Amino acid sequence: MEEEKEVQSKDFIIGALIGGLVGALVALLCAPKSGKDLRGDLNQGASQVKERAEDWKGIAYDKSSEWKERAVDSTTQLSRNISQKTTELTQTVQNKLRNNKQQDTTELVEEVK
C-alpha cells in the first residue's frame, strides 16, 4: 500500500516535471524575442533542468537506500523467525517420537508379562 503511494507520487512528480518543461519550451518558442535572447533563455532553462535532475537523483538514491535497508531488515527478521520455528518444530517432533517409543516399549513389556 505504501509502495503504491510512493509510485503514484513519483509518477506525479515526473509528470509535473515533463509538463513544466514542455510548457516552458512552448512559452519560450512562442514569445517574441531575438535569437540571442531566446538562446540565452534556453540555456538558462537547461541549466535549471539539470540542477533539478541532480536534486531528484539524490532523492532517488536516498530512497533506494532506505528501501534496501528495509528489505534487508525484513529478510533478516523473516529468516530468524523461520529458523526459530523450524527449531521449535524439530524439537516438538523429536519429543513426540521419544514419547511414542517409550509408550511402545512400555506396551511391549506389559504384553510380554
N, C-alpha and C. Protein backbone atom coordinates (compact mmCIF):
# COMPACT_ATOMS: atom_id res chain seq x y z
N MET A 1 0.83 -1.18 0.00
CA MET A 1 0.00 0.00 0.00
C MET A 1 0.88 1.25 0.00
N GLU A 2 1.85 1.27 0.89
CA GLU A 2 2.76 2.41 0.98
C GLU A 2 3.59 2.53 -0.29
N GLU A 3 4.02 1.40 -0.83
CA GLU A 3 4.81 1.42 -2.06
C GLU A 3 3.98 1.97 -3.21
N GLU A 4 2.70 1.64 -3.23
CA GLU A 4 1.82 2.12 -4.30
C GLU A 4 1.70 3.64 -4.23
N LYS A 5 1.59 4.20 -3.03
CA LYS A 5 1.51 5.65 -2.88
C LYS A 5 2.81 6.30 -3.32
N GLU A 6 3.94 5.67 -2.99
CA GLU A 6 5.23 6.21 -3.39
C GLU A 6 5.38 6.20 -4.90
N VAL A 7 4.91 5.13 -5.55
CA VAL A 7 4.98 5.04 -7.00
C VAL A 7 4.08 6.11 -7.62
N GLN A 8 2.89 6.31 -7.06
CA GLN A 8 1.99 7.33 -7.58
C GLN A 8 2.60 8.72 -7.41
N SER A 9 3.24 8.98 -6.26
CA SER A 9 3.89 10.26 -6.03
C SER A 9 5.01 10.46 -7.04
N LYS A 10 5.78 9.43 -7.26
CA LYS A 10 6.89 9.50 -8.21
C LYS A 10 6.36 9.80 -9.61
N ASP A 11 5.31 9.10 -10.02
CA ASP A 11 4.72 9.32 -11.33
C ASP A 11 4.19 10.75 -11.46
N PHE A 12 3.58 11.25 -10.40
CA PHE A 12 3.05 12.62 -10.42
C PHE A 12 4.19 13.62 -10.59
N ILE A 13 5.25 13.42 -9.84
CA ILE A 13 6.39 14.35 -9.91
C ILE A 13 7.02 14.33 -11.30
N ILE A 14 7.21 13.14 -11.84
CA ILE A 14 7.78 13.03 -13.18
C ILE A 14 6.87 13.72 -14.20
N GLY A 15 5.57 13.50 -14.08
CA GLY A 15 4.62 14.14 -14.98
C GLY A 15 4.64 15.65 -14.85
N ALA A 16 4.74 16.14 -13.62
CA ALA A 16 4.79 17.58 -13.40
C ALA A 16 6.05 18.18 -14.00
N LEU A 17 7.16 17.49 -13.84
CA LEU A 17 8.42 17.99 -14.43
C LEU A 17 8.34 18.03 -15.95
N ILE A 18 7.87 16.96 -16.55
CA ILE A 18 7.75 16.91 -18.01
C ILE A 18 6.79 17.98 -18.50
N GLY A 19 5.66 18.12 -17.83
CA GLY A 19 4.69 19.15 -18.21
C GLY A 19 5.26 20.55 -18.07
N GLY A 20 6.01 20.77 -17.01
CA GLY A 20 6.63 22.08 -16.81
C GLY A 20 7.65 22.38 -17.90
N LEU A 21 8.43 21.37 -18.25
CA LEU A 21 9.43 21.56 -19.31
C LEU A 21 8.78 21.86 -20.65
N VAL A 22 7.76 21.10 -20.99
CA VAL A 22 7.07 21.31 -22.27
C VAL A 22 6.43 22.70 -22.28
N GLY A 23 5.80 23.08 -21.18
CA GLY A 23 5.18 24.41 -21.10
C GLY A 23 6.21 25.53 -21.22
N ALA A 24 7.34 25.36 -20.56
CA ALA A 24 8.39 26.38 -20.63
C ALA A 24 8.94 26.48 -22.05
N LEU A 25 9.14 25.34 -22.69
CA LEU A 25 9.66 25.34 -24.06
C LEU A 25 8.68 26.01 -25.02
N VAL A 26 7.40 25.71 -24.90
CA VAL A 26 6.39 26.32 -25.76
C VAL A 26 6.34 27.83 -25.51
N ALA A 27 6.40 28.24 -24.25
CA ALA A 27 6.37 29.67 -23.92
C ALA A 27 7.58 30.38 -24.52
N LEU A 28 8.75 29.75 -24.44
CA LEU A 28 9.95 30.37 -24.99
C LEU A 28 9.88 30.47 -26.51
N LEU A 29 9.39 29.44 -27.14
CA LEU A 29 9.33 29.44 -28.59
C LEU A 29 8.27 30.39 -29.14
N CYS A 30 7.22 30.60 -28.38
CA CYS A 30 6.14 31.47 -28.84
C CYS A 30 6.35 32.93 -28.46
N ALA A 31 7.25 33.19 -27.55
CA ALA A 31 7.50 34.56 -27.10
C ALA A 31 8.28 35.32 -28.16
N PRO A 32 7.93 36.59 -28.35
CA PRO A 32 8.65 37.40 -29.36
C PRO A 32 9.99 37.90 -28.81
N LYS A 33 11.04 37.13 -29.05
CA LYS A 33 12.38 37.50 -28.59
C LYS A 33 13.35 37.34 -29.75
N SER A 34 14.48 37.99 -29.59
CA SER A 34 15.52 37.81 -30.59
C SER A 34 16.16 36.44 -30.41
N GLY A 35 16.88 35.99 -31.41
CA GLY A 35 17.54 34.69 -31.34
C GLY A 35 18.52 34.60 -30.19
N LYS A 36 19.25 35.71 -29.96
CA LYS A 36 20.24 35.71 -28.88
C LYS A 36 19.55 35.58 -27.52
N ASP A 37 18.48 36.34 -27.33
CA ASP A 37 17.74 36.26 -26.07
C ASP A 37 17.12 34.87 -25.88
N LEU A 38 16.57 34.33 -26.95
CA LEU A 38 15.95 33.01 -26.89
C LEU A 38 16.98 31.94 -26.53
N ARG A 39 18.16 32.00 -27.17
CA ARG A 39 19.21 31.02 -26.85
C ARG A 39 19.64 31.15 -25.39
N GLY A 40 19.75 32.36 -24.93
CA GLY A 40 20.12 32.57 -23.53
C GLY A 40 19.08 31.99 -22.58
N ASP A 41 17.81 32.21 -22.89
CA ASP A 41 16.73 31.65 -22.06
C ASP A 41 16.73 30.13 -22.10
N LEU A 42 16.97 29.57 -23.29
CA LEU A 42 17.02 28.12 -23.41
C LEU A 42 18.18 27.55 -22.59
N ASN A 43 19.33 28.19 -22.65
CA ASN A 43 20.48 27.73 -21.86
C ASN A 43 20.20 27.83 -20.36
N GLN A 44 19.56 28.92 -19.97
CA GLN A 44 19.22 29.08 -18.56
C GLN A 44 18.22 27.99 -18.13
N GLY A 45 17.22 27.74 -18.95
CA GLY A 45 16.24 26.69 -18.65
C GLY A 45 16.89 25.32 -18.58
N ALA A 46 17.82 25.07 -19.50
CA ALA A 46 18.51 23.78 -19.48
C ALA A 46 19.32 23.62 -18.21
N SER A 47 19.95 24.69 -17.77
CA SER A 47 20.73 24.64 -16.53
C SER A 47 19.83 24.34 -15.33
N GLN A 48 18.68 24.97 -15.31
CA GLN A 48 17.73 24.73 -14.21
C GLN A 48 17.24 23.29 -14.21
N VAL A 49 16.95 22.78 -15.39
CA VAL A 49 16.50 21.39 -15.51
C VAL A 49 17.60 20.45 -15.03
N LYS A 50 18.83 20.73 -15.40
CA LYS A 50 19.95 19.90 -14.97
C LYS A 50 20.08 19.90 -13.44
N GLU A 51 19.95 21.08 -12.83
CA GLU A 51 20.03 21.17 -11.37
C GLU A 51 18.91 20.37 -10.71
N ARG A 52 17.69 20.50 -11.24
CA ARG A 52 16.56 19.75 -10.68
C ARG A 52 16.77 18.25 -10.84
N ALA A 53 17.29 17.85 -11.98
CA ALA A 53 17.53 16.42 -12.21
C ALA A 53 18.56 15.89 -11.21
N GLU A 54 19.57 16.68 -10.92
CA GLU A 54 20.58 16.27 -9.93
C GLU A 54 19.95 16.15 -8.54
N ASP A 55 19.06 17.10 -8.21
CA ASP A 55 18.36 17.02 -6.92
C ASP A 55 17.52 15.75 -6.83
N TRP A 56 16.78 15.47 -7.89
CA TRP A 56 15.92 14.28 -7.90
C TRP A 56 16.76 13.01 -7.87
N LYS A 57 17.91 13.05 -8.49
CA LYS A 57 18.80 11.90 -8.46
C LYS A 57 19.22 11.61 -7.02
N GLY A 58 19.56 12.66 -6.28
CA GLY A 58 19.95 12.49 -4.88
C GLY A 58 18.81 11.93 -4.04
N ILE A 59 17.61 12.45 -4.28
CA ILE A 59 16.45 11.97 -3.53
C ILE A 59 16.18 10.51 -3.86
N ALA A 60 16.25 10.16 -5.14
CA ALA A 60 16.03 8.77 -5.55
C ALA A 60 17.07 7.85 -4.93
N TYR A 61 18.31 8.30 -4.87
CA TYR A 61 19.38 7.49 -4.27
C TYR A 61 19.10 7.27 -2.78
N ASP A 62 18.70 8.33 -2.09
CA ASP A 62 18.39 8.20 -0.66
C ASP A 62 17.22 7.24 -0.43
N LYS A 63 16.18 7.38 -1.24
CA LYS A 63 15.01 6.50 -1.09
C LYS A 63 15.37 5.05 -1.37
N SER A 64 16.18 4.83 -2.40
CA SER A 64 16.56 3.45 -2.71
C SER A 64 17.39 2.85 -1.59
N SER A 65 18.21 3.66 -0.94
CA SER A 65 18.98 3.17 0.20
C SER A 65 18.05 2.79 1.35
N GLU A 66 17.04 3.63 1.58
CA GLU A 66 16.07 3.33 2.65
C GLU A 66 15.34 2.01 2.34
N TRP A 67 14.90 1.85 1.11
CA TRP A 67 14.17 0.63 0.73
C TRP A 67 15.06 -0.59 0.85
N LYS A 68 16.33 -0.43 0.50
CA LYS A 68 17.26 -1.55 0.61
C LYS A 68 17.41 -1.95 2.08
N GLU A 69 17.56 -0.95 2.96
CA GLU A 69 17.69 -1.25 4.39
C GLU A 69 16.45 -1.94 4.92
N ARG A 70 15.28 -1.46 4.50
CA ARG A 70 14.03 -2.10 4.94
C ARG A 70 13.97 -3.55 4.48
N ALA A 71 14.35 -3.77 3.23
CA ALA A 71 14.31 -5.13 2.68
C ALA A 71 15.28 -6.04 3.42
N VAL A 72 16.47 -5.55 3.71
CA VAL A 72 17.47 -6.35 4.43
C VAL A 72 16.96 -6.67 5.83
N ASP A 73 16.41 -5.66 6.51
CA ASP A 73 15.89 -5.87 7.86
C ASP A 73 14.74 -6.88 7.86
N SER A 74 13.83 -6.72 6.91
CA SER A 74 12.69 -7.64 6.83
C SER A 74 13.14 -9.06 6.53
N THR A 75 14.08 -9.18 5.62
CA THR A 75 14.59 -10.50 5.26
C THR A 75 15.30 -11.15 6.44
N THR A 76 16.09 -10.37 7.15
CA THR A 76 16.80 -10.89 8.32
C THR A 76 15.81 -11.36 9.38
N GLN A 77 14.81 -10.54 9.65
CA GLN A 77 13.81 -10.91 10.66
C GLN A 77 13.03 -12.15 10.23
N LEU A 78 12.67 -12.21 8.97
CA LEU A 78 11.95 -13.38 8.46
C LEU A 78 12.80 -14.63 8.58
N SER A 79 14.07 -14.51 8.26
CA SER A 79 14.99 -15.65 8.37
C SER A 79 15.09 -16.13 9.81
N ARG A 80 15.19 -15.18 10.73
CA ARG A 80 15.25 -15.55 12.16
C ARG A 80 13.98 -16.27 12.59
N ASN A 81 12.83 -15.73 12.18
CA ASN A 81 11.56 -16.34 12.56
C ASN A 81 11.45 -17.76 12.00
N ILE A 82 11.83 -17.94 10.75
CA ILE A 82 11.77 -19.27 10.14
C ILE A 82 12.71 -20.23 10.85
N SER A 83 13.90 -19.76 11.17
CA SER A 83 14.87 -20.61 11.87
C SER A 83 14.34 -21.01 13.25
N GLN A 84 13.77 -20.05 13.95
CA GLN A 84 13.23 -20.33 15.28
C GLN A 84 12.07 -21.32 15.20
N LYS A 85 11.17 -21.11 14.28
CA LYS A 85 10.01 -22.01 14.13
C LYS A 85 10.46 -23.40 13.71
N THR A 86 11.47 -23.48 12.85
CA THR A 86 11.99 -24.77 12.43
C THR A 86 12.59 -25.53 13.62
N THR A 87 13.35 -24.81 14.43
CA THR A 87 13.94 -25.42 15.62
C THR A 87 12.84 -25.91 16.57
N GLU A 88 11.83 -25.09 16.79
CA GLU A 88 10.73 -25.49 17.68
C GLU A 88 9.99 -26.71 17.12
N LEU A 89 9.74 -26.71 15.84
CA LEU A 89 9.04 -27.83 15.21
C LEU A 89 9.87 -29.10 15.30
N THR A 90 11.16 -29.00 15.06
CA THR A 90 12.05 -30.15 15.14
C THR A 90 12.04 -30.73 16.56
N GLN A 91 12.12 -29.86 17.54
CA GLN A 91 12.10 -30.32 18.94
C GLN A 91 10.76 -30.99 19.28
N THR A 92 9.69 -30.42 18.80
CA THR A 92 8.37 -30.98 19.06
C THR A 92 8.26 -32.38 18.45
N VAL A 93 8.71 -32.51 17.21
CA VAL A 93 8.65 -33.81 16.53
C VAL A 93 9.53 -34.83 17.27
N GLN A 94 10.73 -34.43 17.65
CA GLN A 94 11.62 -35.34 18.38
C GLN A 94 11.01 -35.77 19.71
N ASN A 95 10.40 -34.85 20.41
CA ASN A 95 9.74 -35.19 21.68
C ASN A 95 8.59 -36.17 21.46
N LYS A 96 7.80 -35.93 20.41
CA LYS A 96 6.69 -36.84 20.11
C LYS A 96 7.21 -38.23 19.78
N LEU A 97 8.29 -38.29 18.99
CA LEU A 97 8.86 -39.59 18.64
C LEU A 97 9.37 -40.31 19.89
N ARG A 98 10.06 -39.59 20.78
CA ARG A 98 10.54 -40.20 22.02
C ARG A 98 9.39 -40.73 22.86
N ASN A 99 8.34 -39.93 22.98
CA ASN A 99 7.18 -40.34 23.77
C ASN A 99 6.53 -41.58 23.17
N ASN A 100 6.42 -41.61 21.85
CA ASN A 100 5.82 -42.77 21.19
C ASN A 100 6.68 -44.02 21.38
N LYS A 101 8.01 -43.88 21.30
CA LYS A 101 8.90 -45.02 21.50
C LYS A 101 8.77 -45.53 22.93
N GLN A 102 8.71 -44.63 23.89
CA GLN A 102 8.58 -45.03 25.29
C GLN A 102 7.25 -45.74 25.52
N GLN A 103 6.19 -45.23 24.90
CA GLN A 103 4.89 -45.87 25.05
C GLN A 103 4.90 -47.25 24.41
N ASP A 104 5.51 -47.37 23.21
CA ASP A 104 5.59 -48.66 22.53
C ASP A 104 6.38 -49.65 23.37
N THR A 105 7.48 -49.22 23.95
CA THR A 105 8.31 -50.10 24.78
C THR A 105 7.53 -50.54 26.01
N THR A 106 6.84 -49.63 26.64
CA THR A 106 6.05 -49.97 27.82
C THR A 106 4.96 -50.96 27.46
N GLU A 107 4.30 -50.78 26.34
CA GLU A 107 3.25 -51.69 25.91
C GLU A 107 3.83 -53.07 25.60
N LEU A 108 5.01 -53.15 25.00
CA LEU A 108 5.63 -54.43 24.70
C LEU A 108 6.01 -55.18 25.98
N VAL A 109 6.53 -54.46 26.95
CA VAL A 109 6.90 -55.07 28.22
C VAL A 109 5.65 -55.63 28.90
N GLU A 110 4.58 -54.90 28.88
CA GLU A 110 3.35 -55.36 29.50
C GLU A 110 2.79 -56.58 28.77
N GLU A 111 2.92 -56.61 27.46
CA GLU A 111 2.43 -57.75 26.69
C GLU A 111 3.24 -59.00 26.99
N VAL A 112 4.53 -58.84 27.18
CA VAL A 112 5.41 -59.99 27.45
C VAL A 112 5.09 -60.56 28.81
N LYS A 113 4.72 -59.77 29.78
CA LYS A 113 4.42 -60.25 31.14
C LYS A 113 3.22 -61.08 31.08
